[in-house]
Amino acid sequence: MSKVDTILEEIKGLTLLEASDLVKKMEETFGVSAAAAAVAAAAAAAAVAAVAAAVVAVVAALRLGCTGAGSACQRGSR
């Protein structure tokens, strides 16, 4: 069994209170915050969603025949 597997098995055996204490001690020891990581993950997910929405908009515009700033789509007429 690898060191990581052993640690994982130990963590599985912790109570909720012990797990919470472990998180606090790891945050203090390494100078990080689990909450900050969650915020960063949410921001990354939002960025991915924004890019996906932009791609969908471009594909939709291309399907409508919009080709650039001078096109009928850009001027608002279809």
Foldseek 3Di string as FASTA:
>chain_A
DDPVVVVVVVLVPDDPVVNVVVQVVVCVVVVHHPVVVVVVVVVVVVVVVVVVVVVVVVVVCVVVVDDDCPDPVVVPHD
